PDB file of N, CA and C in Angstrom:
ATOM      1  N   UNK A   1     131.447  57.522 -73.329  1.00  0.00           N
ATOM      2  CA  UNK A   1     132.191  59.031 -73.461  1.00  0.00           C
ATOM      3  C   UNK A   1     131.986  59.669 -71.700  1.00  0.00           C
ATOM      4  N   UNK A   2     133.659  60.226 -71.651  1.00  0.00           N
ATOM      5  CA  UNK A   2     134.197  60.802 -70.783  1.00  0.00           C
ATOM      6  C   UNK A   2     133.930  61.939 -70.193  1.00  0.00           C
ATOM      7  N   UNK A   3     132.978  62.169 -68.852  1.00  0.00           N
ATOM      8  CA  UNK A   3     132.567  63.706 -68.631  1.00  0.00           C
ATOM      9  C   UNK A   3     133.251  64.110 -67.583  1.00  0.00           C
ATOM     10  N   UNK A   4     133.445  65.441 -67.429  1.00  0.00           N
ATOM     11  CA  UNK A   4     134.395  66.074 -66.325  1.00  0.00           C
ATOM     12  C   UNK A   4     133.450  65.977 -64.977  1.00  0.00           C
ATOM     13  N   UNK A   5     133.895  65.499 -63.523  1.00  0.00           N
ATOM     14  CA  UNK A   5     132.867  65.407 -62.485  1.00  0.00           C
ATOM     15  C   UNK A   5     132.507  66.739 -61.888  1.00  0.00           C
ATOM     16  N   UNK A   6     131.024  66.749 -61.672  1.00  0.00           N
ATOM     17  CA  UNK A   6     130.460  67.679 -61.193  1.00  0.00           C
ATOM     18  C   UNK A   6     129.968  67.524 -59.906  1.00  0.00           C
ATOM     19  N   UNK A   7     129.776  68.626 -58.971  1.00  0.00           N
ATOM     20  CA  UNK A   7     129.448  68.122 -57.441  1.00  0.00           C
ATOM     21  C   UNK A   7     127.827  67.456 -57.532  1.00  0.00           C
ATOM     22  N   UNK A   8     127.148  67.711 -58.423  1.00  0.00           N
ATOM     23  CA  UNK A   8     125.736  66.931 -58.789  1.00  0.00           C
ATOM     24  C   UNK A   8     125.915  65.661 -58.547  1.00  0.00           C
ATOM     25  N   UNK A   9     127.239  65.496 -58.953  1.00  0.00           N
ATOM     26  CA  UNK A   9     127.478  63.869 -59.241  1.00  0.00           C
ATOM     27  C   UNK A   9     128.194  63.077 -58.098  1.00  0.00           C
ATOM     28  N   UNK A  10     128.270  63.709 -57.243  1.00  0.00           N
ATOM     29  CA  UNK A  10     129.184  63.124 -55.904  1.00  0.00           C
ATOM     30  C   UNK A  10     128.988  62.016 -55.386  1.00  0.00           C
ATOM     31  N   UNK A  11     127.201  61.212 -55.170  1.00  0.00           N
ATOM     32  CA  UNK A  11     127.160  60.238 -54.550  1.00  0.00           C
ATOM     33  C   UNK A  11     127.574  59.143 -55.726  1.00  0.00           C
ATOM     34  N   UNK A  12     126.993  59.684 -57.312  1.00  0.00           N
ATOM     35  CA  UNK A  12     127.589  58.358 -57.924  1.00  0.00           C
ATOM     36  C   UNK A  12     129.064  58.215 -58.009  1.00  0.00           C
ATOM     37  N   UNK A  13     129.893  59.094 -57.941  1.00  0.00           N
ATOM     38  CA  UNK A  13     131.279  59.318 -57.961  1.00  0.00           C
ATOM     39  C   UNK A  13     131.704  58.645 -56.966  1.00  0.00           C
ATOM     40  N   UNK A  14     131.010  58.918 -55.594  1.00  0.00           N
ATOM     41  CA  UNK A  14     131.679  58.254 -54.305  1.00  0.00           C
ATOM     42  C   UNK A  14     131.335  56.555 -54.451  1.00  0.00           C
ATOM     43  N   UNK A  15     130.220  56.303 -55.107  1.00  0.00           N
ATOM     44  CA  UNK A  15     129.776  54.895 -54.881  1.00  0.00           C
ATOM     45  C   UNK A  15     131.031  54.027 -56.117  1.00  0.00           C
ATOM     46  N   UNK A  16     131.435  54.818 -56.980  1.00  0.00           N
ATOM     47  CA  UNK A  16     132.089  54.322 -58.076  1.00  0.00           C
ATOM     48  C   UNK A  16     133.664  53.713 -57.767  1.00  0.00           C
ATOM     49  N   UNK A  17     134.142  54.935 -56.647  1.00  0.00           N
ATOM     50  CA  UNK A  17     135.232  55.039 -55.982  1.00  0.00           C
ATOM     51  C   UNK A  17     135.445  53.879 -54.825  1.00  0.00           C
ATOM     52  N   UNK A  18     133.958  53.583 -54.076  1.00  0.00           N
ATOM     53  CA  UNK A  18     133.947  52.709 -53.293  1.00  0.00           C
ATOM     54  C   UNK A  18     134.536  51.606 -53.713  1.00  0.00           C
ATOM     55  N   UNK A  19     134.581  51.269 -55.044  1.00  0.00           N
ATOM     56  CA  UNK A  19     134.854  49.630 -55.648  1.00  0.00           C
ATOM     57  C   UNK A  19     136.249  49.351 -55.383  1.00  0.00           C
ATOM     58  N   UNK A  20     137.193  50.386 -55.182  1.00  0.00           N
ATOM     59  CA  UNK A  20     138.548  50.385 -54.952  1.00  0.00           C
ATOM     60  C   UNK A  20     138.700  50.090 -53.395  1.00  0.00           C
ATOM     61  N   UNK A  21     139.288  49.047 -53.263  1.00  0.00           N
ATOM     62  CA  UNK A  21     139.660  48.549 -51.548  1.00  0.00           C
ATOM     63  C   UNK A  21     140.257  49.532 -50.933  1.00  0.00           C
ATOM     64  N   UNK A  22     141.225  50.505 -51.497  1.00  0.00           N
ATOM     65  CA  UNK A  22     141.628  51.582 -50.673  1.00  0.00           C
ATOM     66  C   UNK A  22     140.482  52.839 -50.412  1.00  0.00           C
ATOM     67  N   UNK A  23     139.382  52.466 -51.061  1.00  0.00           N
ATOM     68  CA  UNK A  23     138.622  54.126 -50.878  1.00  0.00           C
ATOM     69  C   UNK A  23     137.314  53.031 -49.933  1.00  0.00           C
ATOM     70  N   UNK A  24     137.380  52.032 -49.152  1.00  0.00           N
ATOM     71  CA  UNK A  24     136.038  51.337 -48.372  1.00  0.00           C
ATOM     72  C   UNK A  24     135.617  52.539 -47.420  1.00  0.00           C
ATOM     73  N   UNK A  25     136.549  52.777 -46.938  1.00  0.00           N
ATOM     74  CA  UNK A  25     136.400  53.483 -45.587  1.00  0.00           C
ATOM     75  C   UNK A  25     135.495  55.081 -46.278  1.00  0.00           C
ATOM     76  N   UNK A  26     134.242  55.163 -45.684  1.00  0.00           N
ATOM     77  CA  UNK A  26     133.486  56.446 -45.855  1.00  0.00           C
ATOM     78  C   UNK A  26     134.266  57.850 -45.482  1.00  0.00           C
ATOM     79  N   UNK A  27     135.123  57.650 -44.416  1.00  0.00           N
ATOM     80  CA  UNK A  27     136.025  59.298 -44.414  1.00  0.00           C
ATOM     81  C   UNK A  27     137.005  58.947 -45.305  1.00  0.00           C
ATOM     82  N   UNK A  28     137.778  58.060 -45.681  1.00  0.00           N
ATOM     83  CA  UNK A  28     139.042  58.215 -46.323  1.00  0.00           C
ATOM     84  C   UNK A  28     138.034  58.576 -47.833  1.00  0.00           C
ATOM     85  N   UNK A  29     137.105  58.052 -48.103  1.00  0.00           N
ATOM     86  CA  UNK A  29     136.259  58.142 -49.481  1.00  0.00           C
ATOM     87  C   UNK A  29     135.704  59.927 -49.443  1.00  0.00           C
ATOM     88  N   UNK A  30     135.330  60.413 -48.541  1.00  0.00           N
ATOM     89  CA  UNK A  30     134.831  62.074 -48.609  1.00  0.00           C
ATOM     90  C   UNK A  30     135.960  62.583 -48.498  1.00  0.00           C
ATOM     91  N   UNK A  31     137.338  62.350 -47.783  1.00  0.00           N
ATOM     92  CA  UNK A  31     138.307  63.065 -48.334  1.00  0.00           C
ATOM     93  C   UNK A  31     138.776  63.207 -49.958  1.00  0.00           C
ATOM     94  N   UNK A  32     138.832  61.950 -50.408  1.00  0.00           N
ATOM     95  CA  UNK A  32     139.337  61.694 -51.633  1.00  0.00           C
ATOM     96  C   UNK A  32     138.424  62.775 -52.677  1.00  0.00           C
ATOM     97  N   UNK A  33     137.094  62.857 -52.448  1.00  0.00           N
ATOM     98  CA  UNK A  33     136.189  63.577 -53.069  1.00  0.00           C
ATOM     99  C   UNK A  33     136.341  64.771 -53.373  1.00  0.00           C
ATOM    100  N   UNK A  34     136.888  65.529 -51.561  1.00  0.00           N
ATOM    101  CA  UNK A  34     136.428  66.584 -51.273  1.00  0.00           C
ATOM    102  C   UNK A  34     138.093  67.078 -52.413  1.00  0.00           C
ATOM    103  N   UNK A  35     139.480  66.490 -52.122  1.00  0.00           N
ATOM    104  CA  UNK A  35     140.623  66.659 -52.667  1.00  0.00           C
ATOM    105  C   UNK A  35     140.495  66.723 -54.354  1.00  0.00           C
ATOM    106  N   UNK A  36     139.565  65.976 -54.676  1.00  0.00           N
ATOM    107  CA  UNK A  36     139.131  66.418 -56.386  1.00  0.00           C
ATOM    108  C   UNK A  36     138.506  67.601 -56.489  1.00  0.00           C
ATOM    109  N   UNK A  37     137.630  67.866 -55.651  1.00  0.00           N
ATOM    110  CA  UNK A  37     136.792  69.096 -55.686  1.00  0.00           C
ATOM    111  C   UNK A  37     137.541  70.654 -55.593  1.00  0.00           C
ATOM    112  N   UNK A  38     138.551  70.196 -54.613  1.00  0.00           N
ATOM    113  CA  UNK A  38     139.147  71.732 -53.986  1.00  0.00           C
ATOM    114  C   UNK A  38     140.543  71.899 -55.128  1.00  0.00           C
ATOM    115  N   UNK A  39     141.460  70.499 -55.240  1.00  0.00           N
ATOM    116  CA  UNK A  39     142.929  70.792 -55.668  1.00  0.00           C
ATOM    117  C   UNK A  39     142.596  71.055 -57.312  1.00  0.00           C
ATOM    118  N   UNK A  40     143.030  72.190 -57.652  1.00  0.00           N
ATOM    119  CA  UNK A  40     142.924  71.961 -59.053  1.00  0.00           C
ATOM    120  C   UNK A  40     143.831  71.303 -59.815  1.00  0.00           C
ATOM    121  N   UNK A  41     144.699  70.769 -59.221  1.00  0.00           N
ATOM    122  CA  UNK A  41     145.420  69.494 -60.120  1.00  0.00           C
ATOM    123  C   UNK A  41     144.976  68.497 -60.051  1.00  0.00           C
ATOM    124  N   UNK A  42     143.891  68.148 -59.603  1.00  0.00           N
ATOM    125  CA  UNK A  42     143.261  66.474 -59.033  1.00  0.00           C
ATOM    126  C   UNK A  42     142.250  66.979 -59.988  1.00  0.00           C
ATOM    127  N   UNK A  43     141.976  65.911 -60.959  1.00  0.00           N
ATOM    128  CA  UNK A  43     140.742  65.813 -61.888  1.00  0.00           C
ATOM    129  C   UNK A  43     139.940  64.772 -62.190  1.00  0.00           C
ATOM    130  N   UNK A  44     138.628  64.404 -61.601  1.00  0.00           N
ATOM    131  CA  UNK A  44     137.886  63.372 -61.600  1.00  0.00           C
ATOM    132  C   UNK A  44     137.225  63.439 -62.831  1.00  0.00           C
ATOM    133  N   UNK A  45     136.929  61.969 -63.484  1.00  0.00           N
ATOM    134  CA  UNK A  45     136.168  62.038 -64.739  1.00  0.00           C
ATOM    135  C   UNK A  45     135.050  60.916 -64.683  1.00  0.00           C
ATOM    136  N   UNK A  46     133.880  60.694 -65.535  1.00  0.00           N
ATOM    137  CA  UNK A  46     133.171  59.876 -65.279  1.00  0.00           C
ATOM    138  C   UNK A  46     132.707  59.384 -66.465  1.00  0.00           C
ATOM    139  N   UNK A  47     132.647  58.000 -66.570  1.00  0.00           N
ATOM    140  CA  UNK A  47     132.326  57.227 -67.971  1.00  0.00           C
ATOM    141  C   UNK A  47     130.920  57.111 -68.075  1.00  0.00           C
ATOM    142  N   UNK A  48     130.316  57.795 -68.976  1.00  0.00           N
ATOM    143  CA  UNK A  48     128.683  57.681 -69.323  1.00  0.00           C
ATOM    144  C   UNK A  48     128.454  56.776 -70.716  1.00  0.00           C
ATOM    145  N   UNK A  49     127.754  56.040 -70.368  1.00  0.00           N
ATOM    146  CA  UNK A  49     127.358  55.190 -71.589  1.00  0.00           C
ATOM    147  C   UNK A  49     125.715  55.159 -71.571  1.00  0.00           C
ATOM    148  N   UNK A  50     124.714  55.858 -72.496  1.00  0.00           N
ATOM    149  CA  UNK A  50     123.699  56.315 -72.257  1.00  0.00           C
ATOM    150  C   UNK A  50     123.358  57.403 -71.458  1.00  0.00           C
ATOM    151  N   UNK A  51     122.579  56.765 -70.496  1.00  0.00           N
ATOM    152  CA  UNK A  51     122.151  57.555 -69.178  1.00  0.00           C
ATOM    153  C   UNK A  51     122.770  57.181 -68.272  1.00  0.00           C
ATOM    154  N   UNK A  52     123.752  56.041 -68.307  1.00  0.00           N
ATOM    155  CA  UNK A  52     124.279  55.396 -67.302  1.00  0.00           C
ATOM    156  C   UNK A  52     125.556  55.653 -66.597  1.00  0.00           C
ATOM    157  N   UNK A  53     126.003  55.685 -65.677  1.00  0.00           N
ATOM    158  CA  UNK A  53     127.719  56.510 -65.527  1.00  0.00           C
ATOM    159  C   UNK A  53     128.025  55.009 -65.041  1.00  0.00           C
ATOM    160  N   UNK A  54     128.915  54.551 -65.531  1.00  0.00           N
ATOM    161  CA  UNK A  54     129.539  52.890 -65.251  1.00  0.00           C
ATOM    162  C   UNK A  54     130.760  52.985 -64.606  1.00  0.00           C
ATOM    163  N   UNK A  55     131.775  53.789 -64.402  1.00  0.00           N
ATOM    164  CA  UNK A  55     133.227  54.026 -64.675  1.00  0.00           C
ATOM    165  C   UNK A  55     133.352  55.410 -63.620  1.00  0.00           C
ATOM    166  N   UNK A  56     134.844  55.319 -63.328  1.00  0.00           N
ATOM    167  CA  UNK A  56     135.363  56.712 -62.646  1.00  0.00           C
ATOM    168  C   UNK A  56     136.884  56.826 -62.808  1.00  0.00           C
ATOM    169  N   UNK A  57     137.529  57.686 -63.358  1.00  0.00           N
ATOM    170  CA  UNK A  57     138.890  57.768 -63.394  1.00  0.00           C
ATOM    171  C   UNK A  57     139.608  58.775 -62.793  1.00  0.00           C
ATOM    172  N   UNK A  58     140.146  59.084 -61.776  1.00  0.00           N
ATOM    173  CA  UNK A  58     140.623  60.509 -61.344  1.00  0.00           C
ATOM    174  C   UNK A  58     142.190  60.146 -61.612  1.00  0.00           C
ATOM    175  N   UNK A  59     142.542  61.461 -61.864  1.00  0.00           N
ATOM    176  CA  UNK A  59     144.161  61.862 -62.507  1.00  0.00           C
ATOM    177  C   UNK A  59     144.617  63.145 -61.604  1.00  0.00           C
ATOM    178  N   UNK A  60     146.163  63.487 -61.388  1.00  0.00           N
ATOM    179  CA  UNK A  60     146.630  64.382 -60.483  1.00  0.00           C
ATOM    180  C   UNK A  60     147.306  64.591 -61.859  1.00  0.00           C
ATOM    181  N   UNK A  61     147.353  65.909 -62.416  1.00  0.00           N
ATOM    182  CA  UNK A  61     148.426  66.634 -63.009  1.00  0.00           C
ATOM    183  C   UNK A  61     149.815  67.361 -62.754  1.00  0.00           C
ATOM    184  N   UNK A  62     150.740  66.781 -63.169  1.00  0.00           N
ATOM    185  CA  UNK A  62     152.008  66.986 -62.761  1.00  0.00           C
ATOM    186  C   UNK A  62     152.490  68.165 -63.701  1.00  0.00           C
ATOM    187  N   UNK A  63     152.165  69.491 -63.855  1.00  0.00           N
ATOM    188  CA  UNK A  63     152.543  69.935 -64.943  1.00  0.00           C
ATOM    189  C   UNK A  63     154.082  70.175 -65.431  1.00  0.00           C
ATOM    190  N   UNK A  64     154.907  70.057 -63.936  1.00  0.00           N
ATOM    191  CA  UNK A  64     156.086  70.577 -63.892  1.00  0.00           C
ATOM    192  C   UNK A  64     156.791  69.417 -64.895  1.00  0.00           C
ATOM    193  N   UNK A  65     156.705  68.211 -64.624  1.00  0.00           N
ATOM    194  CA  UNK A  65     157.330  67.212 -65.028  1.00  0.00           C
ATOM    195  C   UNK A  65     156.578  66.441 -66.590  1.00  0.00           C
ATOM    196  N   UNK A  66     155.322  66.939 -66.741  1.00  0.00           N
ATOM    197  CA  UNK A  66     154.720  66.833 -68.541  1.00  0.00           C
ATOM    198  C   UNK A  66     154.085  65.402 -67.791  1.00  0.00           C
ATOM    199  N   UNK A  67     153.352  65.091 -66.359  1.00  0.00           N
ATOM    200  CA  UNK A  67     152.749  63.808 -66.128  1.00  0.00           C
ATOM    201  C   UNK A  67     151.620  63.600 -65.638  1.00  0.00           C
ATOM    202  N   UNK A  68     150.334  62.785 -66.254  1.00  0.00           N
ATOM    203  CA  UNK A  68     149.387  62.912 -65.542  1.00  0.00           C
ATOM    204  C   UNK A  68     149.438  61.624 -64.824  1.00  0.00           C
ATOM    205  N   UNK A  69     149.192  61.417 -63.346  1.00  0.00           N
ATOM    206  CA  UNK A  69     149.025  60.647 -62.861  1.00  0.00           C
ATOM    207  C   UNK A  69     147.462  59.775 -62.524  1.00  0.00           C
ATOM    208  N   UNK A  70     147.405  58.635 -63.212  1.00  0.00           N
ATOM    209  CA  UNK A  70     146.283  57.929 -63.073  1.00  0.00           C
ATOM    210  C   UNK A  70     146.305  57.575 -61.386  1.00  0.00           C
ATOM    211  N   UNK A  71     145.282  57.838 -60.412  1.00  0.00           N
ATOM    212  CA  UNK A  71     145.461  57.949 -59.003  1.00  0.00           C
ATOM    213  C   UNK A  71     144.331  56.841 -58.701  1.00  0.00           C
ATOM    214  N   UNK A  72     142.744  56.832 -59.265  1.00  0.00           N
ATOM    215  CA  UNK A  72     141.931  56.156 -59.353  1.00  0.00           C
ATOM    216  C   UNK A  72     141.705  55.815 -60.514  1.00  0.00           C
ATOM    217  N   UNK A  73     140.732  54.531 -60.609  1.00  0.00           N
ATOM    218  CA  UNK A  73     140.149  53.829 -61.960  1.00  0.00           C
ATOM    219  C   UNK A  73     139.236  52.729 -61.769  1.00  0.00           C
ATOM    220  N   UNK A  74     138.134  53.062 -61.637  1.00  0.00           N
ATOM    221  CA  UNK A  74     136.665  51.868 -61.245  1.00  0.00           C
ATOM    222  C   UNK A  74     135.794  51.821 -62.464  1.00  0.00           C
ATOM    223  N   UNK A  75     135.600  50.613 -62.164  1.00  0.00           N
ATOM    224  CA  UNK A  75     134.045  50.398 -63.094  1.00  0.00           C
ATOM    225  C   UNK A  75     133.222  49.657 -62.198  1.00  0.00           C
ATOM    226  N   UNK A  76     132.040  49.820 -62.479  1.00  0.00           N
ATOM    227  CA  UNK A  76     130.878  49.474 -61.857  1.00  0.00           C
ATOM    228  C   UNK A  76     131.033  47.693 -62.162  1.00  0.00           C
ATOM    229  N   UNK A  77     130.996  46.953 -61.178  1.00  0.00           N
ATOM    230  CA  UNK A  77     131.206  45.510 -61.245  1.00  0.00           C
ATOM    231  C   UNK A  77     130.748  44.700 -62.375  1.00  0.00           C
ATOM    232  N   UNK A  78     129.252  45.080 -62.646  1.00  0.00           N
ATOM    233  CA  UNK A  78     128.216  44.325 -63.433  1.00  0.00           C
ATOM    234  C   UNK A  78     128.727  45.023 -64.937  1.00  0.00           C
ATOM    235  N   UNK A  79     129.807  45.764 -64.779  1.00  0.00           N
ATOM    236  CA  UNK A  79     129.852  46.326 -66.053  1.00  0.00           C
ATOM    237  C   UNK A  79     131.472  45.702 -66.685  1.00  0.00           C
ATOM    238  N   UNK A  80     132.388  45.120 -65.650  1.00  0.00           N
ATOM    239  CA  UNK A  80     133.905  44.839 -65.987  1.00  0.00           C
ATOM    240  C   UNK A  80     133.502  43.707 -67.064  1.00  0.00           C
ATOM    241  N   UNK A  81     135.192  43.727 -67.507  1.00  0.00           N
ATOM    242  CA  UNK A  81     135.643  42.884 -68.585  1.00  0.00           C
ATOM    243  C   UNK A  81     134.613  43.153 -70.007  1.00  0.00           C
ATOM    244  N   UNK A  82     134.127  44.874 -69.897  1.00  0.00           N
ATOM    245  CA  UNK A  82     133.741  45.149 -71.083  1.00  0.00           C
ATOM    246  C   UNK A  82     134.610  46.087 -71.996  1.00  0.00           C
ATOM    247  N   UNK A  83     135.983  46.541 -71.479  1.00  0.00           N
ATOM    248  CA  UNK A  83     136.795  47.275 -71.820  1.00  0.00           C
ATOM    249  C   UNK A  83     136.542  48.750 -71.381  1.00  0.00           C
ATOM    250  N   UNK A  84     135.770  49.147 -70.412  1.00  0.00           N
ATOM    251  CA  UNK A  84     135.227  50.293 -70.360  1.00  0.00           C
ATOM    252  C   UNK A  84     136.358  51.425 -69.532  1.00  0.00           C
ATOM    253  N   UNK A  85     137.576  50.405 -68.833  1.00  0.00           N
ATOM    254  CA  UNK A  85     138.571  50.870 -67.981  1.00  0.00           C
ATOM    255  C   UNK A  85     139.329  51.364 -69.260  1.00  0.00           C
ATOM    256  N   UNK A  86     139.895  50.359 -70.056  1.00  0.00           N
ATOM    257  CA  UNK A  86     141.032  50.961 -71.229  1.00  0.00           C
ATOM    258  C   UNK A  86     140.559  52.105 -72.014  1.00  0.00           C
ATOM    259  N   UNK A  87     138.977  52.338 -71.883  1.00  0.00           N
ATOM    260  CA  UNK A  87     138.262  53.455 -73.010  1.00  0.00           C
ATOM    261  C   UNK A  87     138.719  54.797 -72.173  1.00  0.00           C
ATOM    262  N   UNK A  88     138.399  54.488 -70.856  1.00  0.00           N
ATOM    263  CA  UNK A  88     138.796  55.629 -70.058  1.00  0.00           C
ATOM    264  C   UNK A  88     140.127  56.261 -70.133  1.00  0.00           C
ATOM    265  N   UNK A  89     140.953  55.223 -69.912  1.00  0.00           N
ATOM    266  CA  UNK A  89     142.507  55.680 -70.124  1.00  0.00           C
ATOM    267  C   UNK A  89     142.749  56.089 -71.556  1.00  0.00           C
ATOM    268  N   UNK A  90     142.039  55.476 -72.522  1.00  0.00           N
ATOM    269  CA  UNK A  90     142.237  56.019 -73.680  1.00  0.00           C
ATOM    270  C   UNK A  90     141.607  57.623 -74.353  1.00  0.00           C
ATOM    271  N   UNK A  91     140.540  57.785 -73.511  1.00  0.00           N
ATOM    272  CA  UNK A  91     140.191  59.127 -73.545  1.00  0.00           C
ATOM    273  C   UNK A  91     140.890  60.183 -72.789  1.00  0.00           C
ATOM    274  N   UNK A  92     141.280  59.777 -71.552  1.00  0.00           N
ATOM    275  CA  UNK A  92     142.012  60.559 -70.885  1.00  0.00           C
ATOM    276  C   UNK A  92     143.311  60.941 -71.599  1.00  0.00           C
ATOM    277  N   UNK A  93     143.909  59.945 -72.203  1.00  0.00           N
ATOM    278  CA  UNK A  93     145.405  60.304 -72.987  1.00  0.00           C
ATOM    279  C   UNK A  93     145.025  61.213 -74.331  1.00  0.00           C
ATOM    280  N   UNK A  94     143.840  60.673 -75.124  1.00  0.00           N
ATOM    281  CA  UNK A  94     143.884  61.477 -76.497  1.00  0.00           C
ATOM    282  C   UNK A  94     143.076  62.527 -76.490  1.00  0.00           C
ATOM    283  N   UNK A  95     142.004  62.826 -75.616  1.00  0.00           N
ATOM    284  CA  UNK A  95     141.176  63.940 -75.770  1.00  0.00           C
ATOM    285  C   UNK A  95     141.208  65.198 -74.549  1.00  0.00           C
ATOM    286  N   UNK A  96     142.421  64.603 -73.251  1.00  0.00           N
ATOM    287  CA  UNK A  96     142.259  65.703 -72.335  1.00  0.00           C
ATOM    288  C   UNK A  96     143.742  65.886 -71.931  1.00  0.00           C
ATOM    289  N   UNK A  97     144.672  65.038 -72.440  1.00  0.00           N
ATOM    290  CA  UNK A  97     146.112  65.181 -71.972  1.00  0.00           C
ATOM    291  C   UNK A  97     146.906  64.544 -72.939  1.00  0.00           C
ATOM    292  N   UNK A  98     146.728  64.887 -74.102  1.00  0.00           N
ATOM    293  CA  UNK A  98     147.362  64.266 -75.253  1.00  0.00           C
ATOM    294  C   UNK A  98     149.061  64.760 -75.248  1.00  0.00           C
ATOM    295  N   UNK A  99     149.462  65.571 -74.119  1.00  0.00           N
ATOM    296  CA  UNK A  99     150.521  66.430 -74.363  1.00  0.00           C
ATOM    297  C   UNK A  99     151.380  65.564 -73.317  1.00  0.00           C
ATOM    298  N   UNK A 100     150.874  64.860 -72.435  1.00  0.00           N
ATOM    299  CA  UNK A 100     151.420  64.661 -71.071  1.00  0.00           C
ATOM    300  C   UNK A 100     151.586  63.212 -71.298  1.00  0.00           C
ATOM    301  N   UNK A 101     152.570  62.556 -70.276  1.00  0.00           N
ATOM    302  CA  UNK A 101     152.744  61.201 -70.196  1.00  0.00           C
ATOM    303  C   UNK A 101     151.678  60.508 -69.376  1.00  0.00           C
ATOM    304  N   UNK A 102     151.178  59.573 -69.613  1.00  0.00           N
ATOM    305  CA  UNK A 102     150.104  59.057 -68.752  1.00  0.00           C
ATOM    306  C   UNK A 102     150.702  57.765 -67.929  1.00  0.00           C
ATOM    307  N   UNK A 103     150.958  57.997 -66.427  1.00  0.00           N
ATOM    308  CA  UNK A 103     151.608  56.973 -65.687  1.00  0.00           C
ATOM    309  C   UNK A 103     150.643  56.691 -64.501  1.00  0.00           C
ATOM    310  N   UNK A 104     151.181  55.427 -63.806  1.00  0.00           N
ATOM    311  CA  UNK A 104     150.128  54.965 -62.612  1.00  0.00           C
ATOM    312  C   UNK A 104     150.954  55.353 -61.211  1.00  0.00           C
ATOM    313  N   UNK A 105     150.027  55.388 -60.588  1.00  0.00           N
ATOM    314  CA  UNK A 105     150.561  55.488 -58.961  1.00  0.00           C
ATOM    315  C   UNK A 105     150.572  53.656 -58.131  1.00  0.00           C
ATOM    316  N   UNK A 106     150.531  53.542 -57.014  1.00  0.00           N
ATOM    317  CA  UNK A 106     151.096  51.973 -56.807  1.00  0.00           C
ATOM    318  C   UNK A 106     149.641  51.625 -56.891  1.00  0.00           C
ATOM    319  N   UNK A 107     148.327  52.223 -56.853  1.00  0.00           N
ATOM    320  CA  UNK A 107     146.907  51.858 -57.004  1.00  0.00           C
ATOM    321  C   UNK A 107     146.556  50.990 -58.351  1.00  0.00           C
ATOM    322  N   UNK A 108     147.255  51.838 -59.137  1.00  0.00           N
ATOM    323  CA  UNK A 108     146.716  51.828 -60.607  1.00  0.00           C
ATOM    324  C   UNK A 108     147.676  50.998 -61.573  1.00  0.00           C
ATOM    325  N   UNK A 109     148.872  50.535 -60.822  1.00  0.00           N
ATOM    326  CA  UNK A 109     149.759  50.006 -61.937  1.00  0.00           C
ATOM    327  C   UNK A 109     149.846  48.857 -62.443  1.00  0.00           C
ATOM    328  N   UNK A 110     148.965  47.901 -61.878  1.00  0.00           N
ATOM    329  CA  UNK A 110     148.784  46.874 -62.342  1.00  0.00           C
ATOM    330  C   UNK A 110     147.833  46.614 -63.378  1.00  0.00           C
ATOM    331  N   UNK A 111     146.581  47.560 -63.094  1.00  0.00           N
ATOM    332  CA  UNK A 111     145.714  47.873 -64.477  1.00  0.00           C
ATOM    333  C   UNK A 111     146.444  48.686 -65.703  1.00  0.00           C
ATOM    334  N   UNK A 112     146.658  49.721 -65.474  1.00  0.00           N
ATOM    335  CA  UNK A 112     147.412  50.848 -66.344  1.00  0.00           C
ATOM    336  C   UNK A 112     148.742  50.127 -67.293  1.00  0.00           C
ATOM    337  N   UNK A 113     149.394  48.817 -66.500  1.00  0.00           N
ATOM    338  CA  UNK A 113     149.985  48.020 -67.098  1.00  0.00           C
ATOM    339  C   UNK A 113     149.466  47.100 -68.337  1.00  0.00           C
ATOM    340  N   UNK A 114     148.346  46.542 -68.340  1.00  0.00           N
ATOM    341  CA  UNK A 114     147.513  46.221 -69.141  1.00  0.00           C
ATOM    342  C   UNK A 114     147.017  46.777 -70.270  1.00  0.00           C
ATOM    343  N   UNK A 115     146.810  47.817 -70.056  1.00  0.00           N
ATOM    344  CA  UNK A 115     146.328  49.209 -70.927  1.00  0.00           C
ATOM    345  C   UNK A 115     147.345  49.314 -72.378  1.00  0.00           C
ATOM    346  N   UNK A 116     148.515  48.951 -71.896  1.00  0.00           N
ATOM    347  CA  UNK A 116     149.553  49.770 -72.971  1.00  0.00           C
ATOM    348  C   UNK A 116     150.003  48.957 -74.037  1.00  0.00           C
TER     349      UNK A 116
END
């Protein structure tokens, strides 16, 4: 189940996003989390199964052109190859942004192309 990020989940979200090569630096990672907290067009969601948070997906909503850009997507390495990333993309598309076109940025392009 996809849930919206809350400040109380900051450490979990940072841990998940740190699995992305571009987010390894703590300063960069902290800045990314702040952007999701402060920018109303940036939304971060976490994938929860039972009581475990296993993945994160971050999007940027571009209302003017009807797009939702997948900026970050990460799954805990011990839970990869189980379709969690695809489930997150599906949930974002179907349950949060059904009126928008889901597109990738340079970081998420290869993964998103596998989900179509």
